[in-house]
Amino acid sequence: FHFLDGEGVMVVGTEEVEVAAGATVVVPTGV
């Protein structure tokens, strides 16, 4: 997931990560 604009929160497994334009999150299969 590559964030292009804005701000938000991404939930991955049991973690919450703040994301904004420029951030990239990689998630493994099944998570």
Full PDB file with SEQRES, HELIX, SHEET, SSBOND, CRYST1, ORIGX, SCALE, CONECT and MASTER records, all heavy atoms in Angstrom:
SEQRES   1 A   31  PHE HIS PHE LEU ASP GLY GLU GLY VAL MET VAL VAL GLY          
SEQRES   2 A   31  THR GLU GLU VAL GLU VAL ALA ALA GLY ALA THR VAL VAL          
SEQRES   3 A   31  VAL PRO THR GLY VAL                                          
SHEET    1 AA1 2 GLU A   7  VAL A  12  0                                        
SHEET    2 AA1 2 GLU A  15  ALA A  20 -1                                        
CRYST1    1.000    1.000    1.000  90.00  90.00  90.00 P 1           1          
ORIGX1      1.000000  0.000000  0.000000        0.00000                         
ORIGX2      0.000000  1.000000  0.000000        0.00000                         
ORIGX3      0.000000  0.000000  1.000000        0.00000                         
SCALE1      1.000000  0.000000  0.000000        0.00000                         
SCALE2      0.000000  1.000000  0.000000        0.00000                         
SCALE3      0.000000  0.000000  1.000000        0.00000                         
ATOM      1  N   PHE A   1       0.863  -1.163   0.000  1.00  0.00           N  
ATOM      2  CA  PHE A   1       0.000   0.000   0.000  1.00  0.00           C  
ATOM      3  C   PHE A   1       0.909   1.224   0.000  1.00  0.00           C  
ATOM      4  O   PHE A   1       1.696   1.405   0.935  1.00  0.00           O  
ATOM      5  CB  PHE A   1      -0.880   0.004   1.258  1.00  0.00           C  
ATOM      6  CG  PHE A   1      -1.744  -1.221   1.368  1.00  0.00           C  
ATOM      7  CD1 PHE A   1      -1.241  -2.383   1.936  1.00  0.00           C  
ATOM      8  CD2 PHE A   1      -3.035  -1.225   0.876  1.00  0.00           C  
ATOM      9  CE1 PHE A   1      -2.017  -3.523   2.040  1.00  0.00           C  
ATOM     10  CE2 PHE A   1      -3.820  -2.368   0.972  1.00  0.00           C  
ATOM     11  CZ  PHE A   1      -3.316  -3.512   1.546  1.00  0.00           C  
ATOM     12  N   HIS A   2       0.810   2.039  -1.059  1.00  0.00           N  
ATOM     13  CA  HIS A   2       1.621   3.253  -1.142  1.00  0.00           C  
ATOM     14  C   HIS A   2       0.673   4.442  -1.056  1.00  0.00           C  
ATOM     15  O   HIS A   2      -0.217   4.597  -1.896  1.00  0.00           O  
ATOM     16  CB  HIS A   2       2.444   3.294  -2.427  1.00  0.00           C  
ATOM     17  CG  HIS A   2       3.305   4.512  -2.499  1.00  0.00           C  
ATOM     18  ND1 HIS A   2       4.406   4.676  -1.690  1.00  0.00           N  
ATOM     19  CD2 HIS A   2       3.198   5.632  -3.235  1.00  0.00           C  
ATOM     20  CE1 HIS A   2       4.950   5.858  -1.950  1.00  0.00           C  
ATOM     21  NE2 HIS A   2       4.227   6.450  -2.874  1.00  0.00           N  
ATOM     22  N   PHE A   3       0.871   5.277  -0.045  1.00  0.00           N  
ATOM     23  CA  PHE A   3      -0.021   6.387   0.222  1.00  0.00           C  
ATOM     24  C   PHE A   3       0.436   7.611  -0.565  1.00  0.00           C  
ATOM     25  O   PHE A   3       1.575   8.039  -0.474  1.00  0.00           O  
ATOM     26  CB  PHE A   3      -0.083   6.639   1.734  1.00  0.00           C  
ATOM     27  CG  PHE A   3      -0.742   5.484   2.437  1.00  0.00           C  
ATOM     28  CD1 PHE A   3       0.005   4.382   2.833  1.00  0.00           C  
ATOM     29  CD2 PHE A   3      -2.107   5.460   2.614  1.00  0.00           C  
ATOM     30  CE1 PHE A   3      -0.603   3.289   3.432  1.00  0.00           C  
ATOM     31  CE2 PHE A   3      -2.730   4.377   3.205  1.00  0.00           C  
ATOM     32  CZ  PHE A   3      -1.979   3.280   3.610  1.00  0.00           C  
ATOM     33  N   LEU A   4      -0.509   8.137  -1.352  1.00  0.00           N  
ATOM     34  CA  LEU A   4      -0.207   9.228  -2.282  1.00  0.00           C  
ATOM     35  C   LEU A   4      -0.594  10.597  -1.745  1.00  0.00           C  
ATOM     36  O   LEU A   4       0.013  11.602  -2.111  1.00  0.00           O  
ATOM     37  CB  LEU A   4      -0.930   8.989  -3.611  1.00  0.00           C  
ATOM     38  CG  LEU A   4      -0.570   7.690  -4.320  1.00  0.00           C  
ATOM     39  CD1 LEU A   4      -1.519   7.433  -5.477  1.00  0.00           C  
ATOM     40  CD2 LEU A   4       0.868   7.738  -4.802  1.00  0.00           C  
ATOM     41  N   ASP A   5      -1.649  10.646  -0.900  1.00  0.00           N  
ATOM     42  CA  ASP A   5      -2.138  11.924  -0.425  1.00  0.00           C  
ATOM     43  C   ASP A   5      -2.916  11.707   0.870  1.00  0.00           C  
ATOM     44  O   ASP A   5      -3.577  10.677   1.033  1.00  0.00           O  
ATOM     45  CB  ASP A   5      -3.057  12.558  -1.477  1.00  0.00           C  
ATOM     46  CG  ASP A   5      -3.364  14.018  -1.207  1.00  0.00           C  
ATOM     47  OD1 ASP A   5      -2.473  14.741  -0.715  1.00  0.00           O  
ATOM     48  OD2 ASP A   5      -4.504  14.445  -1.480  1.00  0.00           O  
ATOM     49  N   GLY A   6      -2.835  12.660   1.775  1.00  0.00           N  
ATOM     50  CA  GLY A   6      -3.634  12.627   2.988  1.00  0.00           C  
ATOM     51  C   GLY A   6      -2.979  11.886   4.142  1.00  0.00           C  
ATOM     52  O   GLY A   6      -1.795  11.553   4.101  1.00  0.00           O  
ATOM     53  N   GLU A   7      -3.818  11.616   5.166  1.00  0.00           N  
ATOM     54  CA  GLU A   7      -3.350  10.948   6.378  1.00  0.00           C  
ATOM     55  C   GLU A   7      -4.393   9.949   6.848  1.00  0.00           C  
ATOM     56  O   GLU A   7      -5.589  10.108   6.589  1.00  0.00           O  
ATOM     57  CB  GLU A   7      -3.105  11.975   7.497  1.00  0.00           C  
ATOM     58  CG  GLU A   7      -2.037  12.978   7.150  1.00  0.00           C  
ATOM     59  CD  GLU A   7      -1.870  14.039   8.230  1.00  0.00           C  
ATOM     60  OE1 GLU A   7      -2.762  14.202   9.095  1.00  0.00           O  
ATOM     61  OE2 GLU A   7      -0.831  14.702   8.209  1.00  0.00           O  
ATOM     62  N   GLY A   8      -3.909   8.932   7.568  1.00  0.00           N  
ATOM     63  CA  GLY A   8      -4.824   7.933   8.089  1.00  0.00           C  
ATOM     64  C   GLY A   8      -4.115   6.979   9.016  1.00  0.00           C  
ATOM     65  O   GLY A   8      -2.975   7.208   9.433  1.00  0.00           O  
ATOM     66  N   VAL A   9      -4.816   5.906   9.330  1.00  0.00           N  
ATOM     67  CA  VAL A   9      -4.290   4.858  10.197  1.00  0.00           C  
ATOM     68  C   VAL A   9      -4.463   3.537   9.467  1.00  0.00           C  
ATOM     69  O   VAL A   9      -5.547   3.240   8.952  1.00  0.00           O  
ATOM     70  CB  VAL A   9      -5.039   4.821  11.547  1.00  0.00           C  
ATOM     71  CG1 VAL A   9      -4.561   3.655  12.401  1.00  0.00           C  
ATOM     72  CG2 VAL A   9      -4.864   6.142  12.284  1.00  0.00           C  
ATOM     73  N   MET A  10      -3.406   2.754   9.424  1.00  0.00           N  
ATOM     74  CA  MET A  10      -3.472   1.419   8.834  1.00  0.00           C  
ATOM     75  C   MET A  10      -3.335   0.408   9.962  1.00  0.00           C  
ATOM     76  O   MET A  10      -2.460   0.526  10.817  1.00  0.00           O  
ATOM     77  CB  MET A  10      -2.377   1.217   7.800  1.00  0.00           C  
ATOM     78  CG  MET A  10      -2.454  -0.134   7.148  1.00  0.00           C  
ATOM     79  SD  MET A  10      -1.896  -0.105   5.454  1.00  0.00           S  
ATOM     80  CE  MET A  10      -2.427  -1.741   4.982  1.00  0.00           C  
ATOM     81  N   VAL A  11      -4.233  -0.572   9.955  1.00  0.00           N  
ATOM     82  CA  VAL A  11      -4.171  -1.664  10.909  1.00  0.00           C  
ATOM     83  C   VAL A  11      -3.538  -2.850  10.186  1.00  0.00           C  
ATOM     84  O   VAL A  11      -3.993  -3.239   9.103  1.00  0.00           O  
ATOM     85  CB  VAL A  11      -5.578  -2.049  11.417  1.00  0.00           C  
ATOM     86  CG1 VAL A  11      -5.500  -3.245  12.345  1.00  0.00           C  
ATOM     87  CG2 VAL A  11      -6.234  -0.869  12.098  1.00  0.00           C  
ATOM     88  N   VAL A  12      -2.485  -3.401  10.772  1.00  0.00           N  
ATOM     89  CA  VAL A  12      -1.810  -4.578  10.222  1.00  0.00           C  
ATOM     90  C   VAL A  12      -1.658  -5.560  11.378  1.00  0.00           C  
ATOM     91  O   VAL A  12      -0.931  -5.283  12.337  1.00  0.00           O  
ATOM     92  CB  VAL A  12      -0.434  -4.231   9.623  1.00  0.00           C  
ATOM     93  CG1 VAL A  12       0.236  -5.488   9.079  1.00  0.00           C  
ATOM     94  CG2 VAL A  12      -0.566  -3.176   8.525  1.00  0.00           C  
ATOM     95  N   GLY A  13      -2.386  -6.676  11.286  1.00  0.00           N  
ATOM     96  CA  GLY A  13      -2.402  -7.619  12.399  1.00  0.00           C  
ATOM     97  C   GLY A  13      -3.002  -6.948  13.615  1.00  0.00           C  
ATOM     98  O   GLY A  13      -4.123  -6.448  13.572  1.00  0.00           O  
ATOM     99  N   THR A  14      -2.225  -6.852  14.692  1.00  0.00           N  
ATOM    100  CA  THR A  14      -2.707  -6.208  15.916  1.00  0.00           C  
ATOM    101  C   THR A  14      -2.137  -4.802  16.094  1.00  0.00           C  
ATOM    102  O   THR A  14      -2.379  -4.159  17.109  1.00  0.00           O  
ATOM    103  CB  THR A  14      -2.333  -7.061  17.142  1.00  0.00           C  
ATOM    104  OG1 THR A  14      -0.905  -7.204  17.185  1.00  0.00           O  
ATOM    105  CG2 THR A  14      -2.994  -8.429  17.092  1.00  0.00           C  
ATOM    106  N   GLU A  15      -1.371  -4.329  15.108  1.00  0.00           N  
ATOM    107  CA  GLU A  15      -0.730  -3.019  15.210  1.00  0.00           C  
ATOM    108  C   GLU A  15      -1.482  -1.967  14.413  1.00  0.00           C  
ATOM    109  O   GLU A  15      -2.030  -2.245  13.351  1.00  0.00           O  
ATOM    110  CB  GLU A  15       0.703  -3.080  14.680  1.00  0.00           C  
ATOM    111  CG  GLU A  15       1.627  -3.949  15.494  1.00  0.00           C  
ATOM    112  CD  GLU A  15       3.049  -3.881  14.980  1.00  0.00           C  
ATOM    113  OE1 GLU A  15       3.572  -2.752  14.835  1.00  0.00           O  
ATOM    114  OE2 GLU A  15       3.612  -4.943  14.709  1.00  0.00           O  
ATOM    115  N   GLU A  16      -1.475  -0.733  14.919  1.00  0.00           N  
ATOM    116  CA  GLU A  16      -1.986   0.420  14.195  1.00  0.00           C  
ATOM    117  C   GLU A  16      -0.807   1.320  13.863  1.00  0.00           C  
ATOM    118  O   GLU A  16       0.011   1.620  14.740  1.00  0.00           O  
ATOM    119  CB  GLU A  16      -3.012   1.191  15.014  1.00  0.00           C  
ATOM    120  CG  GLU A  16      -4.332   0.477  15.139  1.00  0.00           C  
ATOM    121  CD  GLU A  16      -5.448   1.380  15.656  1.00  0.00           C  
ATOM    122  OE1 GLU A  16      -5.209   2.594  15.883  1.00  0.00           O  
ATOM    123  OE2 GLU A  16      -6.559   0.871  15.828  1.00  0.00           O  
ATOM    124  N   VAL A  17      -0.731   1.745  12.613  1.00  0.00           N  
ATOM    125  CA  VAL A  17       0.375   2.573  12.150  1.00  0.00           C  
ATOM    126  C   VAL A  17      -0.201   3.824  11.494  1.00  0.00           C  
ATOM    127  O   VAL A  17      -1.068   3.722  10.627  1.00  0.00           O  
ATOM    128  CB  VAL A  17       1.229   1.805  11.113  1.00  0.00           C  
ATOM    129  CG1 VAL A  17       2.372   2.663  10.612  1.00  0.00           C  
ATOM    130  CG2 VAL A  17       1.732   0.504  11.679  1.00  0.00           C  
ATOM    131  N   GLU A  18       0.272   5.002  11.912  1.00  0.00           N  
ATOM    132  CA  GLU A  18      -0.142   6.231  11.247  1.00  0.00           C  
ATOM    133  C   GLU A  18       0.550   6.291   9.898  1.00  0.00           C  
ATOM    134  O   GLU A  18       1.747   5.990   9.781  1.00  0.00           O  
ATOM    135  CB  GLU A  18       0.218   7.443  12.099  1.00  0.00           C  
ATOM    136  CG  GLU A  18      -0.627   7.533  13.346  1.00  0.00           C  
ATOM    137  CD  GLU A  18      -0.418   8.827  14.111  1.00  0.00           C  
ATOM    138  OE1 GLU A  18       0.091   9.807  13.525  1.00  0.00           O  
ATOM    139  OE2 GLU A  18      -0.767   8.843  15.297  1.00  0.00           O  
ATOM    140  N   VAL A  19      -0.221   6.660   8.861  1.00  0.00           N  
ATOM    141  CA  VAL A  19       0.318   6.757   7.513  1.00  0.00           C  
ATOM    142  C   VAL A  19      -0.010   8.129   6.930  1.00  0.00           C  
ATOM    143  O   VAL A  19      -0.985   8.761   7.323  1.00  0.00           O  
ATOM    144  CB  VAL A  19      -0.233   5.645   6.587  1.00  0.00           C  
ATOM    145  CG1 VAL A  19       0.280   4.280   7.015  1.00  0.00           C  
ATOM    146  CG2 VAL A  19      -1.756   5.659   6.548  1.00  0.00           C  
ATOM    147  N   ALA A  20       0.840   8.560   6.013  1.00  0.00           N  
ATOM    148  CA  ALA A  20       0.646   9.834   5.316  1.00  0.00           C  
ATOM    149  C   ALA A  20       1.278   9.709   3.942  1.00  0.00           C  
ATOM    150  O   ALA A  20       1.967   8.725   3.647  1.00  0.00           O  
ATOM    151  CB  ALA A  20       1.278  10.974   6.113  1.00  0.00           C  
ATOM    152  N   ALA A  21       1.052  10.716   3.105  1.00  0.00           N  
ATOM    153  CA  ALA A  21       1.609  10.716   1.754  1.00  0.00           C  
ATOM    154  C   ALA A  21       3.093  10.386   1.803  1.00  0.00           C  
ATOM    155  O   ALA A  21       3.843  10.944   2.597  1.00  0.00           O  
ATOM    156  CB  ALA A  21       1.392  12.075   1.099  1.00  0.00           C  
ATOM    157  N   GLY A  22       3.497   9.426   0.977  1.00  0.00           N  
ATOM    158  CA  GLY A  22       4.887   8.992   0.904  1.00  0.00           C  
ATOM    159  C   GLY A  22       5.152   7.679   1.616  1.00  0.00           C  
ATOM    160  O   GLY A  22       6.151   7.024   1.339  1.00  0.00           O  
ATOM    161  N   ALA A  23       4.270   7.279   2.538  1.00  0.00           N  
ATOM    162  CA  ALA A  23       4.468   6.029   3.281  1.00  0.00           C  
ATOM    163  C   ALA A  23       4.117   4.820   2.417  1.00  0.00           C  
ATOM    164  O   ALA A  23       3.209   4.883   1.588  1.00  0.00           O  
ATOM    165  CB  ALA A  23       3.608   6.014   4.538  1.00  0.00           C  
ATOM    166  N   THR A  24       4.826   3.724   2.636  1.00  0.00           N  
ATOM    167  CA  THR A  24       4.537   2.447   1.986  1.00  0.00           C  
ATOM    168  C   THR A  24       4.484   1.375   3.066  1.00  0.00           C  
ATOM    169  O   THR A  24       5.359   1.324   3.927  1.00  0.00           O  
ATOM    170  CB  THR A  24       5.614   2.085   0.945  1.00  0.00           C  
ATOM    171  OG1 THR A  24       5.682   3.121  -0.045  1.00  0.00           O  
ATOM    172  CG2 THR A  24       5.310   0.764   0.275  1.00  0.00           C  
ATOM    173  N   VAL A  25       3.444   0.536   3.000  1.00  0.00           N  
ATOM    174  CA  VAL A  25       3.276  -0.555   3.957  1.00  0.00           C  
ATOM    175  C   VAL A  25       3.169  -1.851   3.162  1.00  0.00           C  
ATOM    176  O   VAL A  25       2.396  -1.924   2.204  1.00  0.00           O  
ATOM    177  CB  VAL A  25       2.002  -0.359   4.814  1.00  0.00           C  
ATOM    178  CG1 VAL A  25       1.811  -1.532   5.767  1.00  0.00           C  
ATOM    179  CG2 VAL A  25       2.066   0.965   5.582  1.00  0.00           C  
ATOM    180  N   VAL A  26       3.939  -2.861   3.549  1.00  0.00           N  
ATOM    181  CA  VAL A  26       3.899  -4.173   2.909  1.00  0.00           C  
ATOM    182  C   VAL A  26       3.346  -5.170   3.927  1.00  0.00           C  
ATOM    183  O   VAL A  26       3.818  -5.212   5.067  1.00  0.00           O  
ATOM    184  CB  VAL A  26       5.302  -4.601   2.422  1.00  0.00           C  
ATOM    185  CG1 VAL A  26       5.251  -5.986   1.802  1.00  0.00           C  
ATOM    186  CG2 VAL A  26       5.846  -3.587   1.422  1.00  0.00           C  
ATOM    187  N   VAL A  27       2.351  -5.958   3.493  1.00  0.00           N  
ATOM    188  CA  VAL A  27       1.666  -6.893   4.385  1.00  0.00           C  
ATOM    189  C   VAL A  27       1.786  -8.305   3.818  1.00  0.00           C  
ATOM    190  O   VAL A  27       1.468  -8.529   2.648  1.00  0.00           O  
ATOM    191  CB  VAL A  27       0.176  -6.511   4.538  1.00  0.00           C  
ATOM    192  CG1 VAL A  27      -0.518  -7.446   5.505  1.00  0.00           C  
ATOM    193  CG2 VAL A  27       0.034  -5.065   4.982  1.00  0.00           C  
ATOM    194  N   PRO A  28       2.229  -9.271   4.622  1.00  0.00           N  
ATOM    195  CA  PRO A  28       2.338 -10.656   4.144  1.00  0.00           C  
ATOM    196  C   PRO A  28       0.966 -11.314   3.951  1.00  0.00           C  
ATOM    197  O   PRO A  28      -0.037 -10.882   4.518  1.00  0.00           O  
ATOM    198  CB  PRO A  28       3.099 -11.375   5.264  1.00  0.00           C  
ATOM    199  CG  PRO A  28       3.637 -10.320   6.156  1.00  0.00           C  
ATOM    200  CD  PRO A  28       2.787  -9.110   5.968  1.00  0.00           C  
ATOM    201  N   THR A  29       0.940 -12.382   3.196  1.00  0.00           N  
ATOM    202  CA  THR A  29      -0.272 -13.159   2.952  1.00  0.00           C  
ATOM    203  C   THR A  29      -0.916 -13.590   4.262  1.00  0.00           C  
ATOM    204  O   THR A  29      -0.239 -14.036   5.188  1.00  0.00           O  
ATOM    205  CB  THR A  29       0.073 -14.411   2.119  1.00  0.00           C  
ATOM    206  OG1 THR A  29       0.563 -13.980   0.853  1.00  0.00           O  
ATOM    207  CG2 THR A  29      -1.140 -15.305   1.916  1.00  0.00           C  
ATOM    208  N   GLY A  30      -2.247 -13.439   4.326  1.00  0.00           N  
ATOM    209  CA  GLY A  30      -3.016 -13.914   5.464  1.00  0.00           C  
ATOM    210  C   GLY A  30      -3.086 -12.984   6.652  1.00  0.00           C  
ATOM    211  O   GLY A  30      -3.912 -13.170   7.534  1.00  0.00           O  
ATOM    212  N   VAL A  31      -2.214 -11.966   6.708  1.00  0.00           N  
ATOM    213  CA  VAL A  31      -2.233 -11.035   7.827  1.00  0.00           C  
ATOM    214  C   VAL A  31      -3.367 -10.034   7.597  1.00  0.00           C  
ATOM    215  O   VAL A  31      -3.516  -9.473   6.516  1.00  0.00           O  
ATOM    216  CB  VAL A  31      -0.880 -10.305   7.969  1.00  0.00           C  
ATOM    217  CG1 VAL A  31      -0.941  -9.242   9.050  1.00  0.00           C  
ATOM    218  CG2 VAL A  31       0.232 -11.306   8.258  1.00  0.00           C  
TER     219      VAL A  31                                                      
MASTER        0    0    0    0    2    0    0    6  218    1    0    3          
END                                                                             
